[in-house]
Amino acid sequence: MKRLSIAVVVVLALVLAFVAGTYAAAKSYQFSGVVKAVDGGSLTVEKSAKETWQFELAKDTKGGTPKVGDKVTVYYKMVTTEIEQKPATTSAAKKK
């Protein structure tokens, strides 16, 4: 009986870890503002005079193509496309 309850707890922990990992990978964000430019595959949105973002427009992006001057809310996900790795400096390695 004790082994069965331990096995059930382990299985539940694995399922919860899998669900949490899937949820974290699917997290989305949003950015609202006025469209300043639409160039081919990119969209430039200005939130304020100090904050302007540029987004890549994928082929499967929902909602159509906005025009300059439209107020939009862009929903996006952060996806890694490349990682450039540099070795740690010797002084940083010595501190560890």
PDB file of N, CA and C in Angstrom:
ATOM      1  N   MET A   1       0.827  -1.194   0.000  1.00  0.00           N
ATOM      2  CA  MET A   1       0.000   0.000   0.000  1.00  0.00           C
ATOM      3  C   MET A   1       0.872   1.258   0.000  1.00  0.00           C
ATOM      4  N   LYS A   2       1.950   1.231   0.781  1.00  0.00           N
ATOM      5  CA  LYS A   2       2.838   2.375   0.872  1.00  0.00           C
ATOM      6  C   LYS A   2       3.533   2.616  -0.473  1.00  0.00           C
ATOM      7  N   ARG A   3       3.943   1.541  -1.163  1.00  0.00           N
ATOM      8  CA  ARG A   3       4.585   1.669  -2.472  1.00  0.00           C
ATOM      9  C   ARG A   3       3.620   2.249  -3.504  1.00  0.00           C
ATOM     10  N   LEU A   4       2.382   1.846  -3.428  1.00  0.00           N
ATOM     11  CA  LEU A   4       1.373   2.334  -4.369  1.00  0.00           C
ATOM     12  C   LEU A   4       1.175   3.838  -4.203  1.00  0.00           C
ATOM     13  N   SER A   5       1.081   4.311  -2.966  1.00  0.00           N
ATOM     14  CA  SER A   5       0.893   5.742  -2.753  1.00  0.00           C
ATOM     15  C   SER A   5       2.119   6.542  -3.174  1.00  0.00           C
ATOM     16  N   ILE A   6       3.310   6.003  -2.991  1.00  0.00           N
ATOM     17  CA  ILE A   6       4.526   6.682  -3.447  1.00  0.00           C
ATOM     18  C   ILE A   6       4.534   6.748  -4.972  1.00  0.00           C
ATOM     19  N   ALA A   7       4.149   5.662  -5.618  1.00  0.00           N
ATOM     20  CA  ALA A   7       4.104   5.637  -7.080  1.00  0.00           C
ATOM     21  C   ALA A   7       3.093   6.645  -7.619  1.00  0.00           C
ATOM     22  N   VAL A   8       1.951   6.755  -6.976  1.00  0.00           N
ATOM     23  CA  VAL A   8       0.935   7.717  -7.406  1.00  0.00           C
ATOM     24  C   VAL A   8       1.452   9.145  -7.256  1.00  0.00           C
ATOM     25  N   VAL A   9       2.125   9.445  -6.167  1.00  0.00           N
ATOM     26  CA  VAL A   9       2.683  10.782  -5.941  1.00  0.00           C
ATOM     27  C   VAL A   9       3.736  11.103  -7.002  1.00  0.00           C
ATOM     28  N   VAL A  10       4.598  10.155  -7.337  1.00  0.00           N
ATOM     29  CA  VAL A  10       5.633  10.370  -8.345  1.00  0.00           C
ATOM     30  C   VAL A  10       5.001  10.626  -9.717  1.00  0.00           C
ATOM     31  N   VAL A  11       4.002   9.848 -10.073  1.00  0.00           N
ATOM     32  CA  VAL A  11       3.325  10.034 -11.366  1.00  0.00           C
ATOM     33  C   VAL A  11       2.642  11.399 -11.417  1.00  0.00           C
ATOM     34  N   LEU A  12       1.973  11.791 -10.355  1.00  0.00           N
ATOM     35  CA  LEU A  12       1.328  13.110 -10.316  1.00  0.00           C
ATOM     36  C   LEU A  12       2.344  14.234 -10.430  1.00  0.00           C
ATOM     37  N   ALA A  13       3.486  14.099  -9.780  1.00  0.00           N
ATOM     38  CA  ALA A  13       4.534  15.111  -9.871  1.00  0.00           C
ATOM     39  C   ALA A  13       5.057  15.233 -11.295  1.00  0.00           C
ATOM     40  N   LEU A  14       5.244  14.103 -11.980  1.00  0.00           N
ATOM     41  CA  LEU A  14       5.704  14.141 -13.369  1.00  0.00           C
ATOM     42  C   LEU A  14       4.676  14.794 -14.284  1.00  0.00           C
ATOM     43  N   VAL A  15       3.409  14.492 -14.091  1.00  0.00           N
ATOM     44  CA  VAL A  15       2.350  15.097 -14.906  1.00  0.00           C
ATOM     45  C   VAL A  15       2.294  16.600 -14.668  1.00  0.00           C
ATOM     46  N   LEU A  16       2.369  17.029 -13.425  1.00  0.00           N
ATOM     47  CA  LEU A  16       2.351  18.457 -13.117  1.00  0.00           C
ATOM     48  C   LEU A  16       3.555  19.182 -13.715  1.00  0.00           C
ATOM     49  N   ALA A  17       4.731  18.560 -13.668  1.00  0.00           N
ATOM     50  CA  ALA A  17       5.930  19.168 -14.253  1.00  0.00           C
ATOM     51  C   ALA A  17       5.771  19.316 -15.761  1.00  0.00           C
ATOM     52  N   PHE A  18       5.200  18.320 -16.415  1.00  0.00           N
ATOM     53  CA  PHE A  18       4.986  18.387 -17.857  1.00  0.00           C
ATOM     54  C   PHE A  18       3.997  19.493 -18.212  1.00  0.00           C
ATOM     55  N   VAL A  19       2.910  19.593 -17.480  1.00  0.00           N
ATOM     56  CA  VAL A  19       1.901  20.619 -17.747  1.00  0.00           C
ATOM     57  C   VAL A  19       2.486  22.011 -17.512  1.00  0.00           C
ATOM     58  N   ALA A  20       3.248  22.187 -16.446  1.00  0.00           N
ATOM     59  CA  ALA A  20       3.855  23.484 -16.150  1.00  0.00           C
ATOM     60  C   ALA A  20       4.852  23.877 -17.240  1.00  0.00           C
ATOM     61  N   GLY A  21       5.620  22.934 -17.735  1.00  0.00           N
ATOM     62  CA  GLY A  21       6.571  23.212 -18.804  1.00  0.00           C
ATOM     63  C   GLY A  21       5.883  23.601 -20.090  1.00  0.00           C
ATOM     64  N   THR A  22       4.796  22.945 -20.408  1.00  0.00           N
ATOM     65  CA  THR A  22       4.030  23.270 -21.609  1.00  0.00           C
ATOM     66  C   THR A  22       3.404  24.654 -21.486  1.00  0.00           C
ATOM     67  N   TYR A  23       2.889  24.984 -20.323  1.00  0.00           N
ATOM     68  CA  TYR A  23       2.276  26.293 -20.108  1.00  0.00           C
ATOM     69  C   TYR A  23       3.309  27.406 -20.240  1.00  0.00           C
ATOM     70  N   ALA A  24       4.490  27.210 -19.677  1.00  0.00           N
ATOM     71  CA  ALA A  24       5.533  28.239 -19.737  1.00  0.00           C
ATOM     72  C   ALA A  24       5.979  28.485 -21.171  1.00  0.00           C
ATOM     73  N   ALA A  25       6.032  27.449 -21.989  1.00  0.00           N
ATOM     74  CA  ALA A  25       6.465  27.605 -23.375  1.00  0.00           C
ATOM     75  C   ALA A  25       5.419  28.334 -24.201  1.00  0.00           C
ATOM     76  N   ALA A  26       4.177  28.301 -23.806  1.00  0.00           N
ATOM     77  CA  ALA A  26       3.104  28.893 -24.589  1.00  0.00           C
ATOM     78  C   ALA A  26       2.715  30.289 -24.110  1.00  0.00           C
ATOM     79  N   LYS A  27       3.463  30.872 -23.200  1.00  0.00           N
ATOM     80  CA  LYS A  27       3.111  32.175 -22.655  1.00  0.00           C
ATOM     81  C   LYS A  27       3.145  33.234 -23.744  1.00  0.00           C
ATOM     82  N   SER A  28       2.125  34.074 -23.791  1.00  0.00           N
ATOM     83  CA  SER A  28       2.084  35.122 -24.797  1.00  0.00           C
ATOM     84  C   SER A  28       2.025  36.489 -24.122  1.00  0.00           C
ATOM     85  N   TYR A  29       2.392  37.509 -24.875  1.00  0.00           N
ATOM     86  CA  TYR A  29       2.445  38.884 -24.398  1.00  0.00           C
ATOM     87  C   TYR A  29       1.661  39.747 -25.368  1.00  0.00           C
ATOM     88  N   GLN A  30       1.443  41.012 -25.017  1.00  0.00           N
ATOM     89  CA  GLN A  30       0.753  41.915 -25.926  1.00  0.00           C
ATOM     90  C   GLN A  30       1.381  43.305 -25.871  1.00  0.00           C
ATOM     91  N   PHE A  31       1.247  44.030 -26.975  1.00  0.00           N
ATOM     92  CA  PHE A  31       1.775  45.388 -27.098  1.00  0.00           C
ATOM     93  C   PHE A  31       0.754  46.193 -27.892  1.00  0.00           C
ATOM     94  N   SER A  32       0.313  47.320 -27.352  1.00  0.00           N
ATOM     95  CA  SER A  32      -0.697  48.150 -28.016  1.00  0.00           C
ATOM     96  C   SER A  32      -0.100  49.488 -28.418  1.00  0.00           C
ATOM     97  N   GLY A  33      -0.596  50.010 -29.540  1.00  0.00           N
ATOM     98  CA  GLY A  33      -0.140  51.304 -30.000  1.00  0.00           C
ATOM     99  C   GLY A  33      -0.678  51.611 -31.378  1.00  0.00           C
ATOM    100  N   VAL A  34      -0.064  52.615 -32.014  1.00  0.00           N
ATOM    101  CA  VAL A  34      -0.481  53.077 -33.332  1.00  0.00           C
ATOM    102  C   VAL A  34       0.516  52.579 -34.366  1.00  0.00           C
ATOM    103  N   VAL A  35       0.003  52.065 -35.481  1.00  0.00           N
ATOM    104  CA  VAL A  35       0.864  51.559 -36.554  1.00  0.00           C
ATOM    105  C   VAL A  35       1.560  52.740 -37.220  1.00  0.00           C
ATOM    106  N   LYS A  36       2.892  52.686 -37.268  1.00  0.00           N
ATOM    107  CA  LYS A  36       3.686  53.739 -37.904  1.00  0.00           C
ATOM    108  C   LYS A  36       4.183  53.319 -39.275  1.00  0.00           C
ATOM    109  N   ALA A  37       4.364  52.008 -39.502  1.00  0.00           N
ATOM    110  CA  ALA A  37       4.839  51.530 -40.802  1.00  0.00           C
ATOM    111  C   ALA A  37       4.468  50.069 -40.987  1.00  0.00           C
ATOM    112  N   VAL A  38       4.165  49.723 -42.235  1.00  0.00           N
ATOM    113  CA  VAL A  38       3.937  48.332 -42.629  1.00  0.00           C
ATOM    114  C   VAL A  38       4.795  48.114 -43.860  1.00  0.00           C
ATOM    115  N   ASP A  39       5.884  47.355 -43.686  1.00  0.00           N
ATOM    116  CA  ASP A  39       6.838  47.135 -44.768  1.00  0.00           C
ATOM    117  C   ASP A  39       6.978  45.647 -45.028  1.00  0.00           C
ATOM    118  N   GLY A  40       6.393  45.158 -46.103  1.00  0.00           N
ATOM    119  CA  GLY A  40       6.536  43.749 -46.466  1.00  0.00           C
ATOM    120  C   GLY A  40       6.157  42.829 -45.328  1.00  0.00           C
ATOM    121  N   GLY A  41       7.152  42.259 -44.672  1.00  0.00           N
ATOM    122  CA  GLY A  41       6.913  41.299 -43.610  1.00  0.00           C
ATOM    123  C   GLY A  41       7.094  41.854 -42.222  1.00  0.00           C
ATOM    124  N   SER A  42       7.052  43.184 -42.055  1.00  0.00           N
ATOM    125  CA  SER A  42       7.223  43.745 -40.712  1.00  0.00           C
ATOM    126  C   SER A  42       6.175  44.809 -40.421  1.00  0.00           C
ATOM    127  N   LEU A  43       5.957  45.038 -39.140  1.00  0.00           N
ATOM    128  CA  LEU A  43       4.977  45.987 -38.647  1.00  0.00           C
ATOM    129  C   LEU A  43       5.631  46.803 -37.545  1.00  0.00           C
ATOM    130  N   THR A  44       5.595  48.132 -37.654  1.00  0.00           N
ATOM    131  CA  THR A  44       6.173  49.004 -36.642  1.00  0.00           C
ATOM    132  C   THR A  44       5.029  49.662 -35.866  1.00  0.00           C
ATOM    133  N   VAL A  45       5.050  49.506 -34.535  1.00  0.00           N
ATOM    134  CA  VAL A  45       3.990  50.024 -33.669  1.00  0.00           C
ATOM    135  C   VAL A  45       4.608  50.950 -32.634  1.00  0.00           C
ATOM    136  N   GLU A  46       4.022  52.143 -32.486  1.00  0.00           N
ATOM    137  CA  GLU A  46       4.513  53.134 -31.522  1.00  0.00           C
ATOM    138  C   GLU A  46       3.538  53.246 -30.366  1.00  0.00           C
ATOM    139  N   LYS A  47       4.050  52.987 -29.155  1.00  0.00           N
ATOM    140  CA  LYS A  47       3.224  53.109 -27.946  1.00  0.00           C
ATOM    141  C   LYS A  47       3.278  54.537 -27.416  1.00  0.00           C
ATOM    142  N   SER A  48       4.482  55.097 -27.433  1.00  0.00           N
ATOM    143  CA  SER A  48       4.688  56.472 -26.995  1.00  0.00           C
ATOM    144  C   SER A  48       5.869  57.030 -27.787  1.00  0.00           C
ATOM    145  N   ALA A  49       6.204  58.292 -27.545  1.00  0.00           N
ATOM    146  CA  ALA A  49       7.314  58.906 -28.270  1.00  0.00           C
ATOM    147  C   ALA A  49       8.638  58.197 -27.977  1.00  0.00           C
ATOM    148  N   LYS A  50       8.719  57.523 -26.830  1.00  0.00           N
ATOM    149  CA  LYS A  50       9.956  56.855 -26.438  1.00  0.00           C
ATOM    150  C   LYS A  50       9.939  55.350 -26.684  1.00  0.00           C
ATOM    151  N   GLU A  51       8.793  54.794 -27.045  1.00  0.00           N
ATOM    152  CA  GLU A  51       8.699  53.334 -27.162  1.00  0.00           C
ATOM    153  C   GLU A  51       8.050  52.932 -28.492  1.00  0.00           C
ATOM    154  N   THR A  52       8.886  52.403 -29.389  1.00  0.00           N
ATOM    155  CA  THR A  52       8.434  51.907 -30.684  1.00  0.00           C
ATOM    156  C   THR A  52       9.002  50.516 -30.876  1.00  0.00           C
ATOM    157  N   TRP A  53       8.141  49.571 -31.273  1.00  0.00           N
ATOM    158  CA  TRP A  53       8.570  48.186 -31.483  1.00  0.00           C
ATOM    159  C   TRP A  53       8.305  47.782 -32.918  1.00  0.00           C
ATOM    160  N   GLN A  54       9.134  46.866 -33.398  1.00  0.00           N
ATOM    161  CA  GLN A  54       8.939  46.321 -34.732  1.00  0.00           C
ATOM    162  C   GLN A  54       8.697  44.819 -34.611  1.00  0.00           C
ATOM    163  N   PHE A  55       7.671  44.337 -35.319  1.00  0.00           N
ATOM    164  CA  PHE A  55       7.286  42.939 -35.272  1.00  0.00           C
ATOM    165  C   PHE A  55       7.387  42.325 -36.655  1.00  0.00           C
ATOM    166  N   GLU A  56       7.787  41.068 -36.699  1.00  0.00           N
ATOM    167  CA  GLU A  56       7.786  40.314 -37.946  1.00  0.00           C
ATOM    168  C   GLU A  56       6.378  39.771 -38.164  1.00  0.00           C
ATOM    169  N   LEU A  57       5.873  39.918 -39.388  1.00  0.00           N
ATOM    170  CA  LEU A  57       4.550  39.394 -39.712  1.00  0.00           C
ATOM    171  C   LEU A  57       4.714  38.011 -40.338  1.00  0.00           C
ATOM    172  N   ALA A  58       4.297  36.978 -39.634  1.00  0.00           N
ATOM    173  CA  ALA A  58       4.366  35.615 -40.151  1.00  0.00           C
ATOM    174  C   ALA A  58       3.214  35.391 -41.126  1.00  0.00           C
ATOM    175  N   LYS A  59       3.363  34.395 -41.975  1.00  0.00           N
ATOM    176  CA  LYS A  59       2.319  34.094 -42.965  1.00  0.00           C
ATOM    177  C   LYS A  59       1.011  33.687 -42.303  1.00  0.00           C
ATOM    178  N   ASP A  60       1.093  33.041 -41.146  1.00  0.00           N
ATOM    179  CA  ASP A  60      -0.113  32.562 -40.468  1.00  0.00           C
ATOM    180  C   ASP A  60      -0.643  33.526 -39.401  1.00  0.00           C
ATOM    181  N   THR A  61      -0.216  34.800 -39.448  1.00  0.00           N
ATOM    182  CA  THR A  61      -0.695  35.787 -38.489  1.00  0.00           C
ATOM    183  C   THR A  61      -2.180  36.050 -38.729  1.00  0.00           C
ATOM    184  N   LYS A  62      -2.962  35.991 -37.662  1.00  0.00           N
ATOM    185  CA  LYS A  62      -4.405  36.195 -37.761  1.00  0.00           C
ATOM    186  C   LYS A  62      -4.733  37.687 -37.720  1.00  0.00           C
ATOM    187  N   GLY A  63      -5.864  38.062 -38.284  1.00  0.00           N
ATOM    188  CA  GLY A  63      -6.370  39.422 -38.129  1.00  0.00           C
ATOM    189  C   GLY A  63      -6.154  40.339 -39.309  1.00  0.00           C
ATOM    190  N   GLY A  64      -5.555  39.898 -40.383  1.00  0.00           N
ATOM    191  CA  GLY A  64      -5.386  40.764 -41.538  1.00  0.00           C
ATOM    192  C   GLY A  64      -4.191  41.682 -41.423  1.00  0.00           C
ATOM    193  N   THR A  65      -4.071  42.589 -42.377  1.00  0.00           N
ATOM    194  CA  THR A  65      -2.940  43.517 -42.410  1.00  0.00           C
ATOM    195  C   THR A  65      -3.419  44.907 -42.015  1.00  0.00           C
ATOM    196  N   PRO A  66      -2.905  45.470 -40.925  1.00  0.00           N
ATOM    197  CA  PRO A  66      -3.310  46.817 -40.512  1.00  0.00           C
ATOM    198  C   PRO A  66      -2.688  47.881 -41.417  1.00  0.00           C
ATOM    199  N   LYS A  67      -3.268  49.071 -41.387  1.00  0.00           N
ATOM    200  CA  LYS A  67      -2.770  50.195 -42.177  1.00  0.00           C
ATOM    201  C   LYS A  67      -2.124  51.218 -41.246  1.00  0.00           C
ATOM    202  N   VAL A  68      -1.274  52.054 -41.794  1.00  0.00           N
ATOM    203  CA  VAL A  68      -0.620  53.111 -41.021  1.00  0.00           C
ATOM    204  C   VAL A  68      -1.702  53.983 -40.388  1.00  0.00           C
ATOM    205  N   GLY A  69      -1.559  54.244 -39.093  1.00  0.00           N
ATOM    206  CA  GLY A  69      -2.518  55.059 -38.350  1.00  0.00           C
ATOM    207  C   GLY A  69      -3.526  54.249 -37.560  1.00  0.00           C
ATOM    208  N   ASP A  70      -3.669  52.949 -37.867  1.00  0.00           N
ATOM    209  CA  ASP A  70      -4.592  52.094 -37.114  1.00  0.00           C
ATOM    210  C   ASP A  70      -4.076  51.873 -35.697  1.00  0.00           C
ATOM    211  N   LYS A  71      -4.991  51.818 -34.734  1.00  0.00           N
ATOM    212  CA  LYS A  71      -4.621  51.449 -33.365  1.00  0.00           C
ATOM    213  C   LYS A  71      -4.750  49.936 -33.272  1.00  0.00           C
ATOM    214  N   VAL A  72      -3.686  49.271 -32.828  1.00  0.00           N
ATOM    215  CA  VAL A  72      -3.656  47.809 -32.804  1.00  0.00           C
ATOM    216  C   VAL A  72      -3.159  47.292 -31.463  1.00  0.00           C
ATOM    217  N   THR A  73      -3.486  46.050 -31.185  1.00  0.00           N
ATOM    218  CA  THR A  73      -2.883  45.299 -30.087  1.00  0.00           C
ATOM    219  C   THR A  73      -2.247  44.075 -30.720  1.00  0.00           C
ATOM    220  N   VAL A  74      -0.942  43.938 -30.559  1.00  0.00           N
ATOM    221  CA  VAL A  74      -0.188  42.830 -31.135  1.00  0.00           C
ATOM    222  C   VAL A  74       0.014  41.785 -30.048  1.00  0.00           C
ATOM    223  N   TYR A  75      -0.360  40.545 -30.331  1.00  0.00           N
ATOM    224  CA  TYR A  75      -0.136  39.428 -29.415  1.00  0.00           C
ATOM    225  C   TYR A  75       1.052  38.648 -29.957  1.00  0.00           C
ATOM    226  N   TYR A  76       2.062  38.416 -29.116  1.00  0.00           N
ATOM    227  CA  TYR A  76       3.279  37.761 -29.577  1.00  0.00           C
ATOM    228  C   TYR A  76       3.829  36.827 -28.512  1.00  0.00           C
ATOM    229  N   LYS A  77       4.732  35.947 -28.951  1.00  0.00           N
ATOM    230  CA  LYS A  77       5.444  35.039 -28.059  1.00  0.00           C
ATOM    231  C   LYS A  77       6.930  35.239 -28.272  1.00  0.00           C
ATOM    232  N   MET A  78       7.683  35.106 -27.214  1.00  0.00           N
ATOM    233  CA  MET A  78       9.139  35.203 -27.331  1.00  0.00           C
ATOM    234  C   MET A  78       9.686  33.824 -27.673  1.00  0.00           C
ATOM    235  N   VAL A  79      10.371  33.743 -28.797  1.00  0.00           N
ATOM    236  CA  VAL A  79      10.896  32.476 -29.271  1.00  0.00           C
ATOM    237  C   VAL A  79      12.380  32.651 -29.577  1.00  0.00           C
ATOM    238  N   THR A  80      13.188  31.761 -29.083  1.00  0.00           N
ATOM    239  CA  THR A  80      14.623  31.807 -29.340  1.00  0.00           C
ATOM    240  C   THR A  80      14.908  31.276 -30.734  1.00  0.00           C
ATOM    241  N   THR A  81      15.699  32.036 -31.505  1.00  0.00           N
ATOM    242  CA  THR A  81      16.088  31.569 -32.836  1.00  0.00           C
ATOM    243  C   THR A  81      17.569  31.235 -32.906  1.00  0.00           C
ATOM    244  N   GLU A  82      18.363  31.810 -32.011  1.00  0.00           N
ATOM    245  CA  GLU A  82      19.803  31.535 -32.012  1.00  0.00           C
ATOM    246  C   GLU A  82      20.387  31.960 -30.669  1.00  0.00           C
ATOM    247  N   ILE A  83      21.410  31.236 -30.236  1.00  0.00           N
ATOM    248  CA  ILE A  83      22.131  31.594 -29.014  1.00  0.00           C
ATOM    249  C   ILE A  83      23.609  31.667 -29.355  1.00  0.00           C
ATOM    250  N   GLU A  84      24.208  32.804 -29.079  1.00  0.00           N
ATOM    251  CA  GLU A  84      25.648  32.953 -29.266  1.00  0.00           C
ATOM    252  C   GLU A  84      26.289  32.834 -27.894  1.00  0.00           C
ATOM    253  N   GLN A  85      27.211  31.919 -27.787  1.00  0.00           N
ATOM    254  CA  GLN A  85      27.805  31.626 -26.482  1.00  0.00           C
ATOM    255  C   GLN A  85      29.269  32.051 -26.482  1.00  0.00           C
ATOM    256  N   LYS A  86      29.674  32.703 -25.414  1.00  0.00           N
ATOM    257  CA  LYS A  86      31.064  33.106 -25.234  1.00  0.00           C
ATOM    258  C   LYS A  86      31.548  32.516 -23.915  1.00  0.00           C
ATOM    259  N   PRO A  87      32.787  32.032 -23.874  1.00  0.00           N
ATOM    260  CA  PRO A  87      33.282  31.449 -22.626  1.00  0.00           C
ATOM    261  C   PRO A  87      33.400  32.505 -21.535  1.00  0.00           C
ATOM    262  N   ALA A  88      33.226  32.059 -20.304  1.00  0.00           N
ATOM    263  CA  ALA A  88      33.347  32.967 -19.163  1.00  0.00           C
ATOM    264  C   ALA A  88      34.785  33.438 -19.032  1.00  0.00           C
ATOM    265  N   THR A  89      34.948  34.661 -18.546  1.00  0.00           N
ATOM    266  CA  THR A  89      36.293  35.182 -18.348  1.00  0.00           C
ATOM    267  C   THR A  89      36.960  34.450 -17.185  1.00  0.00           C
ATOM    268  N   THR A  90      38.256  34.473 -17.130  1.00  0.00           N
ATOM    269  CA  THR A  90      38.982  33.756 -16.082  1.00  0.00           C
ATOM    270  C   THR A  90      38.703  34.341 -14.712  1.00  0.00           C
ATOM    271  N   SER A  91      38.511  35.670 -14.599  1.00  0.00           N
ATOM    272  CA  SER A  91      38.229  36.255 -13.299  1.00  0.00           C
ATOM    273  C   SER A  91      36.849  35.822 -12.793  1.00  0.00           C
ATOM    274  N   ALA A  92      35.891  35.688 -13.681  1.00  0.00           N
ATOM    275  CA  ALA A  92      34.567  35.237 -13.273  1.00  0.00           C
ATOM    276  C   ALA A  92      34.611  33.767 -12.870  1.00  0.00           C
ATOM    277  N   ALA A  93      35.444  32.980 -13.536  1.00  0.00           N
ATOM    278  CA  ALA A  93      35.554  31.562 -13.209  1.00  0.00           C
ATOM    279  C   ALA A  93      36.237  31.373 -11.855  1.00  0.00           C
ATOM    280  N   LYS A  94      37.178  32.241 -11.519  1.00  0.00           N
ATOM    281  CA  LYS A  94      37.875  32.150 -10.230  1.00  0.00           C
ATOM    282  C   LYS A  94      36.955  32.507  -9.064  1.00  0.00           C
ATOM    283  N   LYS A  95      36.005  33.425  -9.275  1.00  0.00           N
ATOM    284  CA  LYS A  95      35.092  33.836  -8.208  1.00  0.00           C
ATOM    285  C   LYS A  95      34.180  32.702  -7.771  1.00  0.00           C
ATOM    286  N   LYS A  96      33.894  31.772  -8.670  1.00  0.00           N
ATOM    287  CA  LYS A  96      33.030  30.638  -8.340  1.00  0.00           C
ATOM    288  C   LYS A  96      33.777  29.707  -7.479  1.00  0.00           C
TER     289      LYS A  96
END
